[in-house]
Amino acid sequence: MKSHWIPGTEPAEWAGEGARGLGRIEMSSFNAAPAGKPGYEAVFTVNDYYDGPRGGVANFRGVPHFYECVFDEKSDEYSDSYLLISISQEVFKAALENWEIFLRWRKAFDSGDVSLETHPAPPRDKSRYEATKRTLGQAVESGRPKAIRVRGEFDILREPNLPRGVLTLWQVRWS
């Protein structure tokens, strides 16, 4: 069954460099992105993951977009097609802030300072997390009618010094 991405509801994967024309946005955890393969673009978040990235924020032609994997109802499988939804600088910053809040939660969870029941935000950040989540959800829904459909090929950029499978850094090639 198809699941629609709800920004910030699943563990995200990575946020780092600002996109072309938007300037650098500092991220405390991953602020220096390693060079990717030629033809691949930055993946900033993976908010929906099932056997690979299914939804989040990534560059398309150097500009941040929401991406959402198209579910093939006939084969009951995710396809390699994605809907790309253009986002504003304001929404991109909200996506990165939302992700940074999640990173703080993950760090606190891994160190035993918060419980799973607090997922996905530390208690002190919960209201801001919810505000950024609403901003992202509204942008996705309002942009969906103008989405473009492309093929996406995700590749692991590198595994940071974190538990296996956690917060993998990704890159993507769109065609």
C-alpha atoms as a PDB file:
ATOM      1  CA  MET A   1       0.000   0.000   0.000  1.00  0.00           C
ATOM      2  CA  LYS A   2       1.266   3.484  -0.857  1.00  0.00           C
ATOM      3  CA  SER A   3       2.320   5.740   1.963  1.00  0.00           C
ATOM      4  CA  HIS A   4       2.503   9.489   1.460  1.00  0.00           C
ATOM      5  CA  TRP A   5       5.466  11.268   2.928  1.00  0.00           C
ATOM      6  CA  ILE A   6       4.677  13.370   5.946  1.00  0.00           C
ATOM      7  CA  PRO A   7       7.764  15.529   6.484  1.00  0.00           C
ATOM      8  CA  GLY A   8       9.565  14.867   9.714  1.00  0.00           C
ATOM      9  CA  THR A   9       7.715  11.716  10.684  1.00  0.00           C
ATOM     10  CA  GLU A  10      10.449   9.226   9.824  1.00  0.00           C
ATOM     11  CA  PRO A  11      14.126   9.322  10.724  1.00  0.00           C
ATOM     12  CA  ALA A  12      15.803  11.542   8.146  1.00  0.00           C
ATOM     13  CA  GLU A  13      19.169  10.790   6.650  1.00  0.00           C
ATOM     14  CA  TRP A  14      21.194  13.912   6.069  1.00  0.00           C
ATOM     15  CA  ALA A  15      21.289  17.643   5.710  1.00  0.00           C
ATOM     16  CA  GLY A  16      24.356  19.662   4.880  1.00  0.00           C
ATOM     17  CA  GLU A  17      25.331  22.237   2.327  1.00  0.00           C
ATOM     18  CA  GLY A  18      22.882  24.890   1.205  1.00  0.00           C
ATOM     19  CA  ALA A  19      21.716  24.602  -2.380  1.00  0.00           C
ATOM     20  CA  ARG A  20      22.942  26.701  -5.283  1.00  0.00           C
ATOM     21  CA  GLY A  21      21.821  30.278  -4.888  1.00  0.00           C
ATOM     22  CA  LEU A  22      20.647  29.766  -1.329  1.00  0.00           C
ATOM     23  CA  GLY A  23      24.015  30.090   0.364  1.00  0.00           C
ATOM     24  CA  ARG A  24      25.520  27.822   2.958  1.00  0.00           C
ATOM     25  CA  ILE A  25      23.276  26.726   5.785  1.00  0.00           C
ATOM     26  CA  GLU A  26      25.292  25.572   8.772  1.00  0.00           C
ATOM     27  CA  MET A  27      24.366  22.225  10.204  1.00  0.00           C
ATOM     28  CA  SER A  28      26.100  21.160  13.395  1.00  0.00           C
ATOM     29  CA  SER A  29      26.252  17.469  12.549  1.00  0.00           C
ATOM     30  CA  PHE A  30      27.055  17.209   8.838  1.00  0.00           C
ATOM     31  CA  ASN A  31      28.199  20.573   7.548  1.00  0.00           C
ATOM     32  CA  ALA A  32      30.937  19.438   5.202  1.00  0.00           C
ATOM     33  CA  ALA A  33      29.599  17.225   2.423  1.00  0.00           C
ATOM     34  CA  PRO A  34      32.150  14.996   0.716  1.00  0.00           C
ATOM     35  CA  ALA A  35      32.390  15.134  -3.065  1.00  0.00           C
ATOM     36  CA  GLY A  36      29.864  12.925  -4.827  1.00  0.00           C
ATOM     37  CA  LYS A  37      29.972  11.022  -8.094  1.00  0.00           C
ATOM     38  CA  PRO A  38      29.746  13.074 -11.293  1.00  0.00           C
ATOM     39  CA  GLY A  39      26.117  13.570 -12.313  1.00  0.00           C
ATOM     40  CA  TYR A  40      24.775  13.005  -8.802  1.00  0.00           C
ATOM     41  CA  GLU A  41      23.176  15.633  -6.590  1.00  0.00           C
ATOM     42  CA  ALA A  42      22.917  16.238  -2.863  1.00  0.00           C
ATOM     43  CA  VAL A  43      20.245  14.530  -0.792  1.00  0.00           C
ATOM     44  CA  PHE A  44      19.474  16.668   2.241  1.00  0.00           C
ATOM     45  CA  THR A  45      16.883  14.519   4.012  1.00  0.00           C
ATOM     46  CA  VAL A  46      15.331  11.078   3.734  1.00  0.00           C
ATOM     47  CA  ASN A  47      12.130  11.356   5.719  1.00  0.00           C
ATOM     48  CA  ASP A  48      10.566   8.250   4.216  1.00  0.00           C
ATOM     49  CA  TYR A  49      12.670   5.116   3.777  1.00  0.00           C
ATOM     50  CA  TYR A  50      11.736   1.609   2.706  1.00  0.00           C
ATOM     51  CA  ASP A  51      14.448  -0.407   0.959  1.00  0.00           C
ATOM     52  CA  GLY A  52      15.883   2.968  -0.076  1.00  0.00           C
ATOM     53  CA  PRO A  53      14.982   6.654   0.053  1.00  0.00           C
ATOM     54  CA  ARG A  54      11.291   7.232  -0.733  1.00  0.00           C
ATOM     55  CA  GLY A  55      10.710  10.833   0.330  1.00  0.00           C
ATOM     56  CA  GLY A  56      12.665  13.857   1.467  1.00  0.00           C
ATOM     57  CA  VAL A  57      14.550  16.848   0.119  1.00  0.00           C
ATOM     58  CA  ALA A  58      17.245  16.696  -2.555  1.00  0.00           C
ATOM     59  CA  ASN A  59      18.662  18.905  -5.247  1.00  0.00           C
ATOM     60  CA  PHE A  60      17.327  18.726  -8.787  1.00  0.00           C
ATOM     61  CA  ARG A  61      19.495  20.680 -11.214  1.00  0.00           C
ATOM     62  CA  GLY A  62      21.143  22.290  -8.203  1.00  0.00           C
ATOM     63  CA  VAL A  63      17.912  23.515  -6.594  1.00  0.00           C
ATOM     64  CA  PRO A  64      16.185  21.894  -3.576  1.00  0.00           C
ATOM     65  CA  HIS A  65      12.996  19.937  -4.239  1.00  0.00           C
ATOM     66  CA  PHE A  66      10.851  17.579  -2.235  1.00  0.00           C
ATOM     67  CA  TYR A  67      11.012  14.115  -3.762  1.00  0.00           C
ATOM     68  CA  GLU A  68       8.364  11.467  -3.310  1.00  0.00           C
ATOM     69  CA  CYS A  69       8.626   7.946  -4.705  1.00  0.00           C
ATOM     70  CA  VAL A  70       5.751   6.785  -6.901  1.00  0.00           C
ATOM     71  CA  PHE A  71       4.167   3.579  -5.641  1.00  0.00           C
ATOM     72  CA  ASP A  72       3.141   1.135  -8.375  1.00  0.00           C
ATOM     73  CA  GLU A  73      -0.241  -0.177  -7.214  1.00  0.00           C
ATOM     74  CA  LYS A  74      -0.322  -2.851  -9.934  1.00  0.00           C
ATOM     75  CA  SER A  75       2.938  -4.505  -8.865  1.00  0.00           C
ATOM     76  CA  ASP A  76       2.476  -3.503  -5.201  1.00  0.00           C
ATOM     77  CA  GLU A  77       6.053  -2.176  -5.181  1.00  0.00           C
ATOM     78  CA  TYR A  78       7.808   1.146  -5.098  1.00  0.00           C
ATOM     79  CA  SER A  79       8.997   2.222  -8.532  1.00  0.00           C
ATOM     80  CA  ASP A  80      12.128   4.125  -9.499  1.00  0.00           C
ATOM     81  CA  SER A  81       9.939   7.098 -10.465  1.00  0.00           C
ATOM     82  CA  TYR A  82       9.734  10.132  -8.224  1.00  0.00           C
ATOM     83  CA  LEU A  83       7.594  13.237  -8.082  1.00  0.00           C
ATOM     84  CA  LEU A  84       9.716  16.351  -7.577  1.00  0.00           C
ATOM     85  CA  ILE A  85       8.088  19.369  -5.965  1.00  0.00           C
ATOM     86  CA  SER A  86       9.818  22.726  -6.145  1.00  0.00           C
ATOM     87  CA  ILE A  87      10.249  24.482  -2.789  1.00  0.00           C
ATOM     88  CA  SER A  88      11.090  28.021  -1.731  1.00  0.00           C
ATOM     89  CA  GLN A  89      14.174  29.069   0.210  1.00  0.00           C
ATOM     90  CA  GLU A  90      11.961  29.515   3.284  1.00  0.00           C
ATOM     91  CA  VAL A  91      10.623  25.964   3.026  1.00  0.00           C
ATOM     92  CA  PHE A  92      14.111  24.581   2.387  1.00  0.00           C
ATOM     93  CA  LYS A  93      15.351  26.280   5.552  1.00  0.00           C
ATOM     94  CA  ALA A  94      12.371  24.840   7.462  1.00  0.00           C
ATOM     95  CA  ALA A  95      13.238  21.363   6.150  1.00  0.00           C
ATOM     96  CA  LEU A  96      16.827  21.733   7.342  1.00  0.00           C
ATOM     97  CA  GLU A  97      15.714  23.095  10.718  1.00  0.00           C
ATOM     98  CA  ASN A  98      13.284  20.205  11.074  1.00  0.00           C
ATOM     99  CA  TRP A  99      16.133  17.817  10.302  1.00  0.00           C
ATOM    100  CA  GLU A 100      18.503  19.530  12.741  1.00  0.00           C
ATOM    101  CA  ILE A 101      15.897  19.086  15.487  1.00  0.00           C
ATOM    102  CA  PHE A 102      15.680  15.408  14.624  1.00  0.00           C
ATOM    103  CA  LEU A 103      19.493  15.136  14.768  1.00  0.00           C
ATOM    104  CA  ARG A 104      19.456  16.615  18.265  1.00  0.00           C
ATOM    105  CA  TRP A 105      16.819  14.078  19.262  1.00  0.00           C
ATOM    106  CA  ARG A 106      18.822  11.201  17.753  1.00  0.00           C
ATOM    107  CA  LYS A 107      21.991  12.265  19.551  1.00  0.00           C
ATOM    108  CA  ALA A 108      20.080  12.541  22.857  1.00  0.00           C
ATOM    109  CA  PHE A 109      18.366   9.175  22.259  1.00  0.00           C
ATOM    110  CA  ASP A 110      21.641   7.411  21.417  1.00  0.00           C
ATOM    111  CA  SER A 111      23.229   8.801  24.596  1.00  0.00           C
ATOM    112  CA  GLY A 112      20.239   7.718  26.713  1.00  0.00           C
ATOM    113  CA  ASP A 113      19.143  11.267  27.574  1.00  0.00           C
ATOM    114  CA  VAL A 114      15.653  10.870  26.053  1.00  0.00           C
ATOM    115  CA  SER A 115      13.350   7.907  25.488  1.00  0.00           C
ATOM    116  CA  LEU A 116      11.814   6.609  22.277  1.00  0.00           C
ATOM    117  CA  GLU A 117       8.489   8.096  23.391  1.00  0.00           C
ATOM    118  CA  THR A 118       9.913  11.587  22.703  1.00  0.00           C
ATOM    119  CA  HIS A 119      10.619  10.766  19.020  1.00  0.00           C
ATOM    120  CA  PRO A 120      11.196  12.714  16.796  1.00  0.00           C
ATOM    121  CA  ALA A 121      12.161  15.817  18.802  1.00  0.00           C
ATOM    122  CA  PRO A 122      13.712  16.579  22.168  1.00  0.00           C
ATOM    123  CA  PRO A 123      11.009  17.900  24.501  1.00  0.00           C
ATOM    124  CA  ARG A 124      12.447  21.444  24.432  1.00  0.00           C
ATOM    125  CA  ASP A 125      12.189  21.476  20.598  1.00  0.00           C
ATOM    126  CA  LYS A 126       8.792  19.782  20.206  1.00  0.00           C
ATOM    127  CA  SER A 127       6.745  22.910  19.393  1.00  0.00           C
ATOM    128  CA  ARG A 128       9.278  24.209  16.876  1.00  0.00           C
ATOM    129  CA  TYR A 129       9.503  20.760  15.309  1.00  0.00           C
ATOM    130  CA  GLU A 130       5.723  20.672  14.886  1.00  0.00           C
ATOM    131  CA  ALA A 131       5.734  24.176  13.342  1.00  0.00           C
ATOM    132  CA  THR A 132       8.379  23.221  10.755  1.00  0.00           C
ATOM    133  CA  LYS A 133       6.544  19.968  10.055  1.00  0.00           C
ATOM    134  CA  ARG A 134       3.344  21.922   9.280  1.00  0.00           C
ATOM    135  CA  THR A 135       5.259  24.272   6.961  1.00  0.00           C
ATOM    136  CA  LEU A 136       6.729  21.310   5.090  1.00  0.00           C
ATOM    137  CA  GLY A 137       3.429  19.457   4.824  1.00  0.00           C
ATOM    138  CA  GLN A 138       1.646  22.520   3.446  1.00  0.00           C
ATOM    139  CA  ALA A 139       4.396  23.082   0.854  1.00  0.00           C
ATOM    140  CA  VAL A 140       4.254  19.476  -0.318  1.00  0.00           C
ATOM    141  CA  GLU A 141       0.475  19.481  -0.683  1.00  0.00           C
ATOM    142  CA  SER A 142       0.291  22.878  -2.412  1.00  0.00           C
ATOM    143  CA  GLY A 143       3.154  21.988  -4.781  1.00  0.00           C
ATOM    144  CA  ARG A 144       1.966  18.505  -5.718  1.00  0.00           C
ATOM    145  CA  PRO A 145      -0.181  19.670  -8.708  1.00  0.00           C
ATOM    146  CA  LYS A 146       2.931  21.188 -10.327  1.00  0.00           C
ATOM    147  CA  ALA A 147       5.229  18.233  -9.552  1.00  0.00           C
ATOM    148  CA  ILE A 148       7.384  16.743 -12.284  1.00  0.00           C
ATOM    149  CA  ARG A 149       7.993  13.018 -12.648  1.00  0.00           C
ATOM    150  CA  VAL A 150      11.550  11.712 -13.062  1.00  0.00           C
ATOM    151  CA  ARG A 151      13.534   8.539 -12.539  1.00  0.00           C
ATOM    152  CA  GLY A 152      15.764   8.530  -9.458  1.00  0.00           C
ATOM    153  CA  GLU A 153      18.854   6.467  -8.737  1.00  0.00           C
ATOM    154  CA  PHE A 154      20.068   6.801  -5.145  1.00  0.00           C
ATOM    155  CA  ASP A 155      23.571   5.833  -4.112  1.00  0.00           C
ATOM    156  CA  ILE A 156      25.299   5.840  -0.742  1.00  0.00           C
ATOM    157  CA  LEU A 157      27.700   8.756  -0.534  1.00  0.00           C
ATOM    158  CA  ARG A 158      29.379   7.571   2.646  1.00  0.00           C
ATOM    159  CA  GLU A 159      28.615   6.023   5.987  1.00  0.00           C
ATOM    160  CA  PRO A 160      29.338   8.464   8.811  1.00  0.00           C
ATOM    161  CA  ASN A 161      30.725   7.270  12.127  1.00  0.00           C
ATOM    162  CA  LEU A 162      27.297   6.178  13.369  1.00  0.00           C
ATOM    163  CA  PRO A 163      25.582   2.842  13.963  1.00  0.00           C
ATOM    164  CA  ARG A 164      25.176   0.794  10.779  1.00  0.00           C
ATOM    165  CA  GLY A 165      22.269   1.975   8.640  1.00  0.00           C
ATOM    166  CA  VAL A 166      21.697   5.093  10.727  1.00  0.00           C
ATOM    167  CA  LEU A 167      21.912   8.497   9.070  1.00  0.00           C
ATOM    168  CA  THR A 168      23.526   7.260   5.878  1.00  0.00           C
ATOM    169  CA  LEU A 169      24.618  10.039   3.533  1.00  0.00           C
ATOM    170  CA  TRP A 170      23.010   9.725   0.109  1.00  0.00           C
ATOM    171  CA  GLN A 171      23.334  11.196  -3.364  1.00  0.00           C
ATOM    172  CA  VAL A 172      20.921  10.927  -6.269  1.00  0.00           C
ATOM    173  CA  ARG A 173      20.984  11.022 -10.058  1.00  0.00           C
ATOM    174  CA  TRP A 174      17.763  12.120 -11.739  1.00  0.00           C
ATOM    175  CA  SER A 175      16.869  11.238 -15.329  1.00  0.00           C
END
